[in-house]
Amino acid sequence: MAEQRCDWCLGSSEYIAYHDNEWGKPVTDDQTLFELIVLESAQAGLSWITILRKREGYRQAFHNFDPTKVAAMSADDVERLTQNAEIVRHRGKIAATISNAQCFLRIVEEFGSFSNYYWAFSDGKVISNAPKTMADVPAVTPLAETIAKDMKKRGFKFFGPTICYAFMQATGMVDDHLVGCVAKRDA
């Protein structure tokens, strides 16, 4: 019998690798959380496969997702990066990445780590859903709205409730793997 996977990942080997090895697995490492904030924010209005294919470009452009180095980037860096075809060349998203790094570091200063801040929203627990089809997976939830609202209040940009929910799925706060999927936590 063939292994079952969530429908959304079946279109490419990159999607399958991301799905099987990363998506829905709990992330507590701050640098990885920052990476996913950068990538999910860049994805706004685009397909996730576009961002996955540009991930290495983002890694190089944004100092291997070191939030301290990204926070120190300048307007000159924004201008330079708008010419970099290895990333999404949206001036607002590039500037937001730098601004979001600064917001991220303020949260680290206040809470000891971004992970402490973020995971407190779910009391440190994974929210394991049991969707049978992709139609059962929401695009946004009240918790995503709460987190996005708090992050917006703290200055984050390109991180509304829908992007926040995708971030929650990517970081494993939410397990939305379909019932029967090989990557389901309790499969």
N, C-alpha and C. Protein backbone atom coordinates (compact mmCIF):
# COMPACT_ATOMS: atom_id res chain seq x y z
N MET A 1 0.85 -1.19 0.00
CA MET A 1 0.00 0.00 0.00
C MET A 1 0.89 1.25 0.00
N ALA A 2 0.57 2.20 -0.84
CA ALA A 2 1.36 3.43 -0.95
C ALA A 2 1.18 4.29 0.30
N GLU A 3 2.27 5.01 0.66
CA GLU A 3 2.18 5.93 1.79
C GLU A 3 1.26 7.09 1.42
N GLN A 4 0.45 7.50 2.39
CA GLN A 4 -0.44 8.64 2.18
C GLN A 4 0.23 9.91 2.69
N ARG A 5 0.00 11.00 1.98
CA ARG A 5 0.49 12.31 2.38
C ARG A 5 -0.63 13.32 2.19
N CYS A 6 -0.46 14.45 2.84
CA CYS A 6 -1.39 15.56 2.64
C CYS A 6 -1.36 15.97 1.17
N ASP A 7 -2.55 16.22 0.62
CA ASP A 7 -2.68 16.52 -0.81
C ASP A 7 -1.82 17.68 -1.28
N TRP A 8 -1.67 18.70 -0.43
CA TRP A 8 -1.01 19.92 -0.87
C TRP A 8 0.45 19.72 -1.27
N CYS A 9 1.08 18.66 -0.77
CA CYS A 9 2.51 18.49 -1.02
C CYS A 9 2.83 17.62 -2.22
N LEU A 10 1.85 17.08 -2.88
CA LEU A 10 2.09 16.06 -3.90
C LEU A 10 2.59 16.61 -5.24
N GLY A 11 2.65 17.91 -5.39
CA GLY A 11 3.01 18.49 -6.68
C GLY A 11 4.48 18.53 -7.01
N SER A 12 5.36 18.33 -6.03
CA SER A 12 6.79 18.41 -6.32
C SER A 12 7.60 17.70 -5.25
N SER A 13 8.81 17.33 -5.61
CA SER A 13 9.70 16.67 -4.65
C SER A 13 10.09 17.63 -3.53
N GLU A 14 10.21 18.94 -3.86
CA GLU A 14 10.53 19.92 -2.81
C GLU A 14 9.42 19.98 -1.76
N TYR A 15 8.19 20.00 -2.25
CA TYR A 15 7.04 20.01 -1.33
C TYR A 15 7.03 18.76 -0.46
N ILE A 16 7.24 17.61 -1.07
CA ILE A 16 7.22 16.35 -0.31
C ILE A 16 8.30 16.35 0.75
N ALA A 17 9.52 16.77 0.40
CA ALA A 17 10.61 16.81 1.38
C ALA A 17 10.28 17.76 2.52
N TYR A 18 9.76 18.95 2.19
CA TYR A 18 9.39 19.91 3.22
C TYR A 18 8.28 19.32 4.11
N HIS A 19 7.27 18.76 3.49
CA HIS A 19 6.16 18.16 4.22
C HIS A 19 6.64 17.05 5.16
N ASP A 20 7.43 16.14 4.64
CA ASP A 20 7.86 14.97 5.42
C ASP A 20 8.84 15.31 6.53
N ASN A 21 9.70 16.30 6.30
CA ASN A 21 10.80 16.56 7.23
C ASN A 21 10.65 17.78 8.11
N GLU A 22 9.76 18.71 7.74
CA GLU A 22 9.68 19.95 8.51
C GLU A 22 8.26 20.33 8.95
N TRP A 23 7.34 20.38 8.00
CA TRP A 23 6.02 20.95 8.26
C TRP A 23 5.31 20.21 9.39
N GLY A 24 4.89 20.95 10.38
CA GLY A 24 4.14 20.35 11.48
C GLY A 24 4.99 19.78 12.59
N LYS A 25 6.31 19.87 12.47
CA LYS A 25 7.19 19.39 13.54
C LYS A 25 7.48 20.57 14.48
N PRO A 26 7.29 20.37 15.79
CA PRO A 26 7.48 21.48 16.73
C PRO A 26 8.89 22.09 16.67
N VAL A 27 8.92 23.42 16.54
CA VAL A 27 10.16 24.18 16.47
C VAL A 27 10.23 25.09 17.70
N THR A 28 11.33 24.97 18.43
CA THR A 28 11.54 25.85 19.59
C THR A 28 12.82 26.67 19.45
N ASP A 29 13.62 26.38 18.44
CA ASP A 29 14.86 27.11 18.21
C ASP A 29 14.56 28.50 17.65
N ASP A 30 15.05 29.53 18.31
CA ASP A 30 14.73 30.90 17.90
C ASP A 30 15.16 31.23 16.48
N GLN A 31 16.34 30.79 16.08
CA GLN A 31 16.79 31.13 14.72
C GLN A 31 15.90 30.48 13.67
N THR A 32 15.46 29.26 13.93
CA THR A 32 14.56 28.59 12.99
C THR A 32 13.19 29.27 13.00
N LEU A 33 12.73 29.68 14.16
CA LEU A 33 11.47 30.42 14.23
C LEU A 33 11.58 31.73 13.43
N PHE A 34 12.71 32.41 13.56
CA PHE A 34 12.89 33.65 12.79
C PHE A 34 12.91 33.35 11.29
N GLU A 35 13.61 32.29 10.91
CA GLU A 35 13.63 31.89 9.49
C GLU A 35 12.22 31.72 8.96
N LEU A 36 11.39 31.04 9.72
CA LEU A 36 10.03 30.78 9.26
C LEU A 36 9.16 32.03 9.25
N ILE A 37 9.43 32.97 10.15
CA ILE A 37 8.74 34.27 10.09
C ILE A 37 9.11 34.97 8.79
N VAL A 38 10.41 34.98 8.47
CA VAL A 38 10.87 35.62 7.23
C VAL A 38 10.21 34.97 6.02
N LEU A 39 10.26 33.65 5.96
CA LEU A 39 9.73 32.95 4.79
C LEU A 39 8.22 33.05 4.68
N GLU A 40 7.52 32.89 5.79
CA GLU A 40 6.05 33.00 5.74
C GLU A 40 5.63 34.42 5.37
N SER A 41 6.32 35.42 5.89
CA SER A 41 6.00 36.81 5.55
C SER A 41 6.26 37.08 4.07
N ALA A 42 7.33 36.52 3.55
CA ALA A 42 7.64 36.68 2.13
C ALA A 42 6.59 36.02 1.25
N GLN A 43 5.97 34.98 1.78
CA GLN A 43 4.99 34.22 1.01
C GLN A 43 3.68 34.97 0.79
N ALA A 44 3.40 35.96 1.60
CA ALA A 44 2.12 36.68 1.50
C ALA A 44 1.78 36.99 0.05
N GLY A 45 0.68 36.42 -0.44
CA GLY A 45 0.21 36.65 -1.79
C GLY A 45 0.87 35.76 -2.84
N LEU A 46 1.76 34.89 -2.42
CA LEU A 46 2.48 34.01 -3.34
C LEU A 46 2.28 32.56 -2.94
N SER A 47 2.75 31.65 -3.77
CA SER A 47 2.66 30.23 -3.42
C SER A 47 3.85 29.84 -2.55
N TRP A 48 3.63 28.85 -1.70
CA TRP A 48 4.69 28.39 -0.82
C TRP A 48 5.84 27.77 -1.62
N ILE A 49 5.55 27.12 -2.73
CA ILE A 49 6.62 26.51 -3.52
C ILE A 49 7.57 27.59 -4.05
N THR A 50 7.05 28.77 -4.37
CA THR A 50 7.90 29.87 -4.80
C THR A 50 8.92 30.20 -3.73
N ILE A 51 8.46 30.25 -2.49
CA ILE A 51 9.35 30.59 -1.37
C ILE A 51 10.32 29.45 -1.09
N LEU A 52 9.84 28.22 -1.11
CA LEU A 52 10.74 27.09 -0.89
C LEU A 52 11.89 27.10 -1.89
N ARG A 53 11.58 27.42 -3.12
CA ARG A 53 12.61 27.42 -4.17
C ARG A 53 13.58 28.60 -4.02
N LYS A 54 13.19 29.61 -3.27
CA LYS A 54 14.06 30.76 -3.03
C LYS A 54 14.67 30.73 -1.62
N ARG A 55 14.44 29.67 -0.89
CA ARG A 55 14.89 29.59 0.51
C ARG A 55 16.40 29.81 0.64
N GLU A 56 17.19 29.18 -0.21
CA GLU A 56 18.64 29.35 -0.13
C GLU A 56 19.03 30.79 -0.42
N GLY A 57 18.34 31.42 -1.36
CA GLY A 57 18.60 32.83 -1.63
C GLY A 57 18.31 33.69 -0.41
N TYR A 58 17.23 33.40 0.28
CA TYR A 58 16.91 34.12 1.52
C TYR A 58 17.98 33.88 2.58
N ARG A 59 18.43 32.64 2.66
CA ARG A 59 19.46 32.29 3.65
C ARG A 59 20.71 33.15 3.41
N GLN A 60 21.10 33.27 2.16
CA GLN A 60 22.29 34.06 1.83
C GLN A 60 22.04 35.56 1.99
N ALA A 61 20.90 36.02 1.55
CA ALA A 61 20.59 37.46 1.61
C ALA A 61 20.41 37.96 3.04
N PHE A 62 19.92 37.10 3.92
CA PHE A 62 19.60 37.52 5.28
C PHE A 62 20.44 36.78 6.33
N HIS A 63 21.74 36.71 6.06
CA HIS A 63 22.72 36.27 7.06
C HIS A 63 22.35 34.97 7.76
N ASN A 64 21.94 33.98 6.97
CA ASN A 64 21.56 32.68 7.53
C ASN A 64 20.49 32.82 8.62
N PHE A 65 19.64 33.82 8.44
CA PHE A 65 18.51 34.09 9.34
C PHE A 65 18.95 34.42 10.77
N ASP A 66 20.09 35.07 10.89
CA ASP A 66 20.55 35.55 12.20
C ASP A 66 19.81 36.86 12.47
N PRO A 67 18.87 36.87 13.42
CA PRO A 67 18.05 38.07 13.61
C PRO A 67 18.86 39.30 14.02
N THR A 68 19.97 39.12 14.74
CA THR A 68 20.79 40.26 15.15
C THR A 68 21.43 40.92 13.94
N LYS A 69 21.96 40.11 13.03
CA LYS A 69 22.57 40.66 11.81
C LYS A 69 21.52 41.27 10.90
N VAL A 70 20.36 40.63 10.79
CA VAL A 70 19.30 41.16 9.93
C VAL A 70 18.79 42.48 10.49
N ALA A 71 18.64 42.58 11.81
CA ALA A 71 18.15 43.81 12.44
C ALA A 71 19.07 44.98 12.18
N ALA A 72 20.35 44.71 11.93
CA ALA A 72 21.33 45.77 11.70
C ALA A 72 21.44 46.17 10.23
N MET A 73 20.68 45.53 9.36
CA MET A 73 20.73 45.87 7.94
C MET A 73 20.15 47.26 7.71
N SER A 74 20.56 47.88 6.61
CA SER A 74 20.22 49.29 6.37
C SER A 74 19.34 49.47 5.13
N ALA A 75 18.98 50.73 4.90
CA ALA A 75 18.23 51.08 3.69
C ALA A 75 19.03 50.74 2.44
N ASP A 76 20.36 50.85 2.52
CA ASP A 76 21.21 50.46 1.38
C ASP A 76 21.06 48.96 1.11
N ASP A 77 20.95 48.17 2.15
CA ASP A 77 20.74 46.73 1.97
C ASP A 77 19.40 46.46 1.31
N VAL A 78 18.38 47.20 1.70
CA VAL A 78 17.06 47.05 1.07
C VAL A 78 17.18 47.32 -0.43
N GLU A 79 17.84 48.42 -0.78
CA GLU A 79 18.01 48.77 -2.20
C GLU A 79 18.76 47.66 -2.94
N ARG A 80 19.84 47.18 -2.35
CA ARG A 80 20.64 46.12 -2.98
C ARG A 80 19.79 44.87 -3.17
N LEU A 81 19.00 44.50 -2.17
CA LEU A 81 18.22 43.26 -2.23
C LEU A 81 17.04 43.35 -3.20
N THR A 82 16.59 44.55 -3.52
CA THR A 82 15.53 44.66 -4.52
C THR A 82 16.03 44.25 -5.91
N GLN A 83 17.34 44.10 -6.05
CA GLN A 83 17.93 43.65 -7.32
C GLN A 83 18.31 42.17 -7.29
N ASN A 84 18.07 41.50 -6.17
CA ASN A 84 18.49 40.11 -5.97
C ASN A 84 17.38 39.16 -6.43
N ALA A 85 17.60 38.52 -7.57
CA ALA A 85 16.59 37.60 -8.14
C ALA A 85 16.46 36.31 -7.35
N GLU A 86 17.32 36.10 -6.38
CA GLU A 86 17.27 34.88 -5.57
C GLU A 86 16.21 34.95 -4.47
N ILE A 87 15.63 36.14 -4.28
CA ILE A 87 14.56 36.33 -3.29
C ILE A 87 13.40 37.04 -3.98
N VAL A 88 12.30 37.20 -3.26
CA VAL A 88 11.18 38.00 -3.76
C VAL A 88 11.60 39.46 -3.61
N ARG A 89 11.63 40.18 -4.72
CA ARG A 89 12.19 41.53 -4.73
C ARG A 89 11.16 42.60 -4.42
N HIS A 90 10.37 42.36 -3.43
CA HIS A 90 9.32 43.29 -3.00
C HIS A 90 9.92 44.18 -1.91
N ARG A 91 10.08 45.45 -2.23
CA ARG A 91 10.74 46.39 -1.32
C ARG A 91 10.10 46.37 0.08
N GLY A 92 8.78 46.36 0.12
CA GLY A 92 8.08 46.37 1.41
C GLY A 92 8.37 45.12 2.23
N LYS A 93 8.41 43.96 1.57
CA LYS A 93 8.69 42.71 2.28
C LYS A 93 10.15 42.65 2.76
N ILE A 94 11.05 43.18 1.94
CA ILE A 94 12.47 43.21 2.34
C ILE A 94 12.64 44.12 3.55
N ALA A 95 12.08 45.31 3.49
CA ALA A 95 12.16 46.24 4.62
C ALA A 95 11.49 45.65 5.85
N ALA A 96 10.36 44.95 5.65
CA ALA A 96 9.66 44.33 6.77
C ALA A 96 10.51 43.24 7.43
N THR A 97 11.30 42.54 6.64
CA THR A 97 12.17 41.50 7.22
C THR A 97 13.13 42.13 8.22
N ILE A 98 13.70 43.26 7.86
CA ILE A 98 14.63 43.95 8.77
C ILE A 98 13.89 44.47 9.99
N SER A 99 12.76 45.11 9.77
CA SER A 99 11.94 45.62 10.88
C SER A 99 11.46 44.48 11.77
N ASN A 100 11.03 43.36 11.16
CA ASN A 100 10.57 42.22 11.95
C ASN A 100 11.70 41.63 12.78
N ALA A 101 12.92 41.67 12.28
CA ALA A 101 14.08 41.20 13.06
C ALA A 101 14.24 42.06 14.32
N GLN A 102 14.05 43.34 14.18
CA GLN A 102 14.14 44.25 15.34
C GLN A 102 13.04 43.94 16.35
N CYS A 103 11.82 43.70 15.85
CA CYS A 103 10.70 43.34 16.73
C CYS A 103 10.98 42.00 17.42
N PHE A 104 11.49 41.07 16.66
CA PHE A 104 11.83 39.73 17.16
C PHE A 104 12.81 39.86 18.34
N LEU A 105 13.85 40.69 18.17
CA LEU A 105 14.86 40.85 19.22
C LEU A 105 14.29 41.52 20.46
N ARG A 106 13.34 42.43 20.28
CA ARG A 106 12.69 43.05 21.46
C ARG A 106 11.91 41.99 22.24
N ILE A 107 11.27 41.06 21.53
CA ILE A 107 10.55 39.97 22.20
C ILE A 107 11.54 39.07 22.94
N VAL A 108 12.66 38.77 22.30
CA VAL A 108 13.69 37.94 22.96
C VAL A 108 14.15 38.61 24.24
N GLU A 109 14.36 39.92 24.18
CA GLU A 109 14.80 40.66 25.36
C GLU A 109 13.74 40.60 26.47
N GLU A 110 12.49 40.73 26.10
CA GLU A 110 11.40 40.74 27.08
C GLU A 110 11.10 39.36 27.66
N PHE A 111 11.14 38.32 26.84
CA PHE A 111 10.68 36.99 27.26
C PHE A 111 11.81 35.96 27.43
N GLY A 112 13.04 36.36 27.12
CA GLY A 112 14.15 35.42 27.24
C GLY A 112 14.41 34.67 25.95
N SER A 113 13.39 34.45 25.17
CA SER A 113 13.50 33.86 23.83
C SER A 113 12.19 34.11 23.10
N PHE A 114 12.26 34.08 21.79
CA PHE A 114 11.02 34.19 21.02
C PHE A 114 10.17 32.95 21.27
N SER A 115 10.82 31.82 21.40
CA SER A 115 10.11 30.56 21.65
C SER A 115 9.25 30.65 22.91
N ASN A 116 9.80 31.22 23.97
CA ASN A 116 9.02 31.38 25.21
C ASN A 116 7.76 32.19 24.96
N TYR A 117 7.92 33.29 24.25
CA TYR A 117 6.78 34.16 23.92
C TYR A 117 5.75 33.41 23.08
N TYR A 118 6.22 32.83 22.00
CA TYR A 118 5.33 32.21 21.01
C TYR A 118 4.60 31.00 21.57
N TRP A 119 5.32 30.09 22.15
CA TRP A 119 4.70 28.85 22.63
C TRP A 119 3.79 29.07 23.84
N ALA A 120 3.91 30.18 24.52
CA ALA A 120 3.00 30.48 25.63
C ALA A 120 1.56 30.62 25.14
N PHE A 121 1.38 30.99 23.88
CA PHE A 121 0.03 31.14 23.34
C PHE A 121 -0.72 29.80 23.32
N SER A 122 0.00 28.69 23.25
CA SER A 122 -0.66 27.37 23.27
C SER A 122 -0.30 26.60 24.54
N ASP A 123 0.14 27.33 25.55
CA ASP A 123 0.57 26.70 26.81
C ASP A 123 1.64 25.63 26.56
N GLY A 124 2.47 25.86 25.54
CA GLY A 124 3.56 24.94 25.24
C GLY A 124 3.12 23.63 24.61
N LYS A 125 1.87 23.56 24.20
CA LYS A 125 1.33 22.31 23.67
C LYS A 125 1.08 22.41 22.17
N VAL A 126 1.19 21.26 21.51
CA VAL A 126 0.83 21.16 20.10
C VAL A 126 -0.68 20.98 20.01
N ILE A 127 -1.28 21.72 19.11
CA ILE A 127 -2.71 21.59 18.84
C ILE A 127 -2.84 20.58 17.70
N SER A 128 -3.27 19.39 18.03
CA SER A 128 -3.34 18.33 17.03
C SER A 128 -4.76 18.20 16.51
N ASN A 129 -4.94 18.59 15.27
CA ASN A 129 -6.24 18.48 14.63
C ASN A 129 -6.32 17.15 13.88
N ALA A 130 -7.47 16.78 13.46
CA ALA A 130 -7.66 15.51 12.75
C ALA A 130 -8.43 15.73 11.45
N PRO A 131 -7.87 16.57 10.56
CA PRO A 131 -8.59 16.81 9.29
C PRO A 131 -8.55 15.56 8.40
N LYS A 132 -9.68 15.28 7.81
CA LYS A 132 -9.76 14.13 6.89
C LYS A 132 -9.46 14.54 5.46
N THR A 133 -9.76 15.81 5.12
CA THR A 133 -9.47 16.35 3.80
C THR A 133 -8.90 17.76 3.96
N MET A 134 -8.31 18.28 2.92
CA MET A 134 -7.77 19.64 2.98
C MET A 134 -8.89 20.66 3.23
N ALA A 135 -10.10 20.34 2.83
CA ALA A 135 -11.23 21.24 3.08
C ALA A 135 -11.51 21.39 4.57
N ASP A 136 -11.04 20.43 5.38
CA ASP A 136 -11.24 20.49 6.83
C ASP A 136 -10.18 21.36 7.53
N VAL A 137 -9.18 21.81 6.79
CA VAL A 137 -8.09 22.61 7.37
C VAL A 137 -8.44 24.08 7.21
N PRO A 138 -8.53 24.82 8.31
CA PRO A 138 -8.88 26.24 8.20
C PRO A 138 -7.72 27.08 7.68
N ALA A 139 -8.02 28.24 7.16
CA ALA A 139 -6.99 29.19 6.74
C ALA A 139 -6.57 30.08 7.89
N VAL A 140 -7.45 30.19 8.88
CA VAL A 140 -7.19 31.05 10.04
C VAL A 140 -8.03 30.53 11.20
N THR A 141 -7.56 30.77 12.41
CA THR A 141 -8.29 30.39 13.61
C THR A 141 -8.28 31.56 14.60
N PRO A 142 -9.13 31.50 15.62
CA PRO A 142 -9.10 32.56 16.63
C PRO A 142 -7.72 32.71 17.29
N LEU A 143 -7.00 31.60 17.52
CA LEU A 143 -5.67 31.70 18.12
C LEU A 143 -4.71 32.41 17.17
N ALA A 144 -4.79 32.12 15.88
CA ALA A 144 -3.94 32.81 14.90
C ALA A 144 -4.25 34.31 14.90
N GLU A 145 -5.52 34.65 15.02
CA GLU A 145 -5.90 36.06 15.09
C GLU A 145 -5.32 36.72 16.33
N THR A 146 -5.34 36.01 17.46
CA THR A 146 -4.80 36.55 18.71
C THR A 146 -3.29 36.77 18.60
N ILE A 147 -2.57 35.77 18.09
CA ILE A 147 -1.11 35.89 17.96
C ILE A 147 -0.76 37.00 16.98
N ALA A 148 -1.42 37.02 15.82
CA ALA A 148 -1.14 38.03 14.80
C ALA A 148 -1.42 39.43 15.35
N LYS A 149 -2.48 39.58 16.09
CA LYS A 149 -2.82 40.89 16.67
C LYS A 149 -1.74 41.33 17.65
N ASP A 150 -1.27 40.41 18.48
CA ASP A 150 -0.23 40.76 19.43
C ASP A 150 1.08 41.10 18.71
N MET A 151 1.41 40.33 17.68
CA MET A 151 2.64 40.60 16.94
C MET A 151 2.54 41.92 16.18
N LYS A 152 1.37 42.22 15.64
CA LYS A 152 1.18 43.50 14.96
C LYS A 152 1.36 44.65 15.95
N LYS A 153 0.80 44.48 17.15
CA LYS A 153 0.94 45.49 18.20
C LYS A 153 2.42 45.70 18.54
N ARG A 154 3.21 44.66 18.38
CA ARG A 154 4.65 44.73 18.66
C ARG A 154 5.45 45.18 17.45
N GLY A 155 4.75 45.50 16.33
CA GLY A 155 5.40 46.10 15.18
C GLY A 155 5.63 45.20 13.98
N PHE A 156 5.27 43.92 14.05
CA PHE A 156 5.51 43.02 12.92
C PHE A 156 4.66 43.42 11.72
N LYS A 157 5.24 43.23 10.53
CA LYS A 157 4.56 43.53 9.27
C LYS A 157 4.50 42.27 8.41
N PHE A 158 3.54 42.24 7.49
CA PHE A 158 3.32 41.07 6.62
C PHE A 158 3.15 39.81 7.46
N PHE A 159 2.38 39.94 8.53
CA PHE A 159 2.16 38.81 9.43
C PHE A 159 0.76 38.88 10.01
N GLY A 160 -0.24 38.82 9.12
CA GLY A 160 -1.63 38.83 9.54
C GLY A 160 -2.07 37.44 9.97
N PRO A 161 -3.35 37.28 10.28
CA PRO A 161 -3.87 36.01 10.80
C PRO A 161 -3.66 34.81 9.87
N THR A 162 -3.80 34.99 8.56
CA THR A 162 -3.62 33.86 7.65
C THR A 162 -2.15 33.43 7.60
N ILE A 163 -1.24 34.40 7.49
CA ILE A 163 0.19 34.08 7.52
C ILE A 163 0.54 33.49 8.88
N CYS A 164 -0.04 34.01 9.94
CA CYS A 164 0.23 33.48 11.27
C CYS A 164 -0.20 32.02 11.37
N TYR A 165 -1.35 31.69 10.82
CA TYR A 165 -1.79 30.29 10.90
C TYR A 165 -0.85 29.38 10.11
N ALA A 166 -0.40 29.85 8.96
CA ALA A 166 0.58 29.07 8.19
C ALA A 166 1.87 28.90 9.00
N PHE A 167 2.27 29.94 9.72
CA PHE A 167 3.45 29.87 10.60
C PHE A 167 3.22 28.86 11.72
N MET A 168 2.02 28.87 12.30
CA MET A 168 1.69 27.91 13.36
C MET A 168 1.78 26.47 12.84
N GLN A 169 1.34 26.26 11.61
CA GLN A 169 1.44 24.93 11.00
C GLN A 169 2.91 24.58 10.72
N ALA A 170 3.64 25.53 10.15
CA ALA A 170 5.04 25.28 9.80
C ALA A 170 5.89 24.97 11.01
N THR A 171 5.60 25.63 12.13
CA THR A 171 6.40 25.46 13.35
C THR A 171 5.88 24.35 14.25
N GLY A 172 4.84 23.68 13.83
CA GLY A 172 4.33 22.56 14.60
C GLY A 172 3.50 22.92 15.81
N MET A 173 3.16 24.20 15.99
CA MET A 173 2.22 24.52 17.06
C MET A 173 0.88 23.87 16.74
N VAL A 174 0.61 23.78 15.44
CA VAL A 174 -0.60 23.12 14.96
C VAL A 174 -0.18 21.94 14.09
N ASP A 175 -0.75 20.79 14.34
CA ASP A 175 -0.55 19.62 13.49
C ASP A 175 -1.81 19.45 12.66
N ASP A 176 -1.72 19.88 11.41
CA ASP A 176 -2.85 19.77 10.48
C ASP A 176 -2.61 18.70 9.42
N HIS A 177 -1.68 17.77 9.68
CA HIS A 177 -1.52 16.66 8.74
C HIS A 177 -2.84 15.89 8.69
N LEU A 178 -3.21 15.47 7.50
CA LEU A 178 -4.45 14.72 7.34
C LEU A 178 -4.37 13.39 8.09
N VAL A 179 -5.52 12.94 8.54
CA VAL A 179 -5.61 11.61 9.17
C VAL A 179 -5.08 10.59 8.16
N GLY A 180 -4.18 9.76 8.60
CA GLY A 180 -3.58 8.75 7.72
C GLY A 180 -2.29 9.18 7.05
N CYS A 181 -1.92 10.45 7.16
CA CYS A 181 -0.70 10.95 6.55
C CYS A 181 0.51 10.34 7.27
N VAL A 182 1.54 9.99 6.50
CA VAL A 182 2.75 9.39 7.08
C VAL A 182 3.44 10.33 8.06
N ALA A 183 3.23 11.62 7.95
CA ALA A 183 3.90 12.59 8.83
C ALA A 183 3.05 12.98 10.04
N LYS A 184 1.85 12.46 10.16
CA LYS A 184 0.98 12.79 11.30
C LYS A 184 1.68 12.38 12.59
N ARG A 185 1.72 13.27 13.55
CA ARG A 185 2.43 13.02 14.82
C ARG A 185 1.95 11.75 15.51
N ASP A 186 0.67 11.51 15.53
CA ASP A 186 0.17 10.33 16.23
C ASP A 186 -0.21 9.23 15.26
N ALA A 187 0.39 9.28 14.06
CA ALA A 187 0.09 8.24 13.06
C ALA A 187 0.76 6.92 13.45
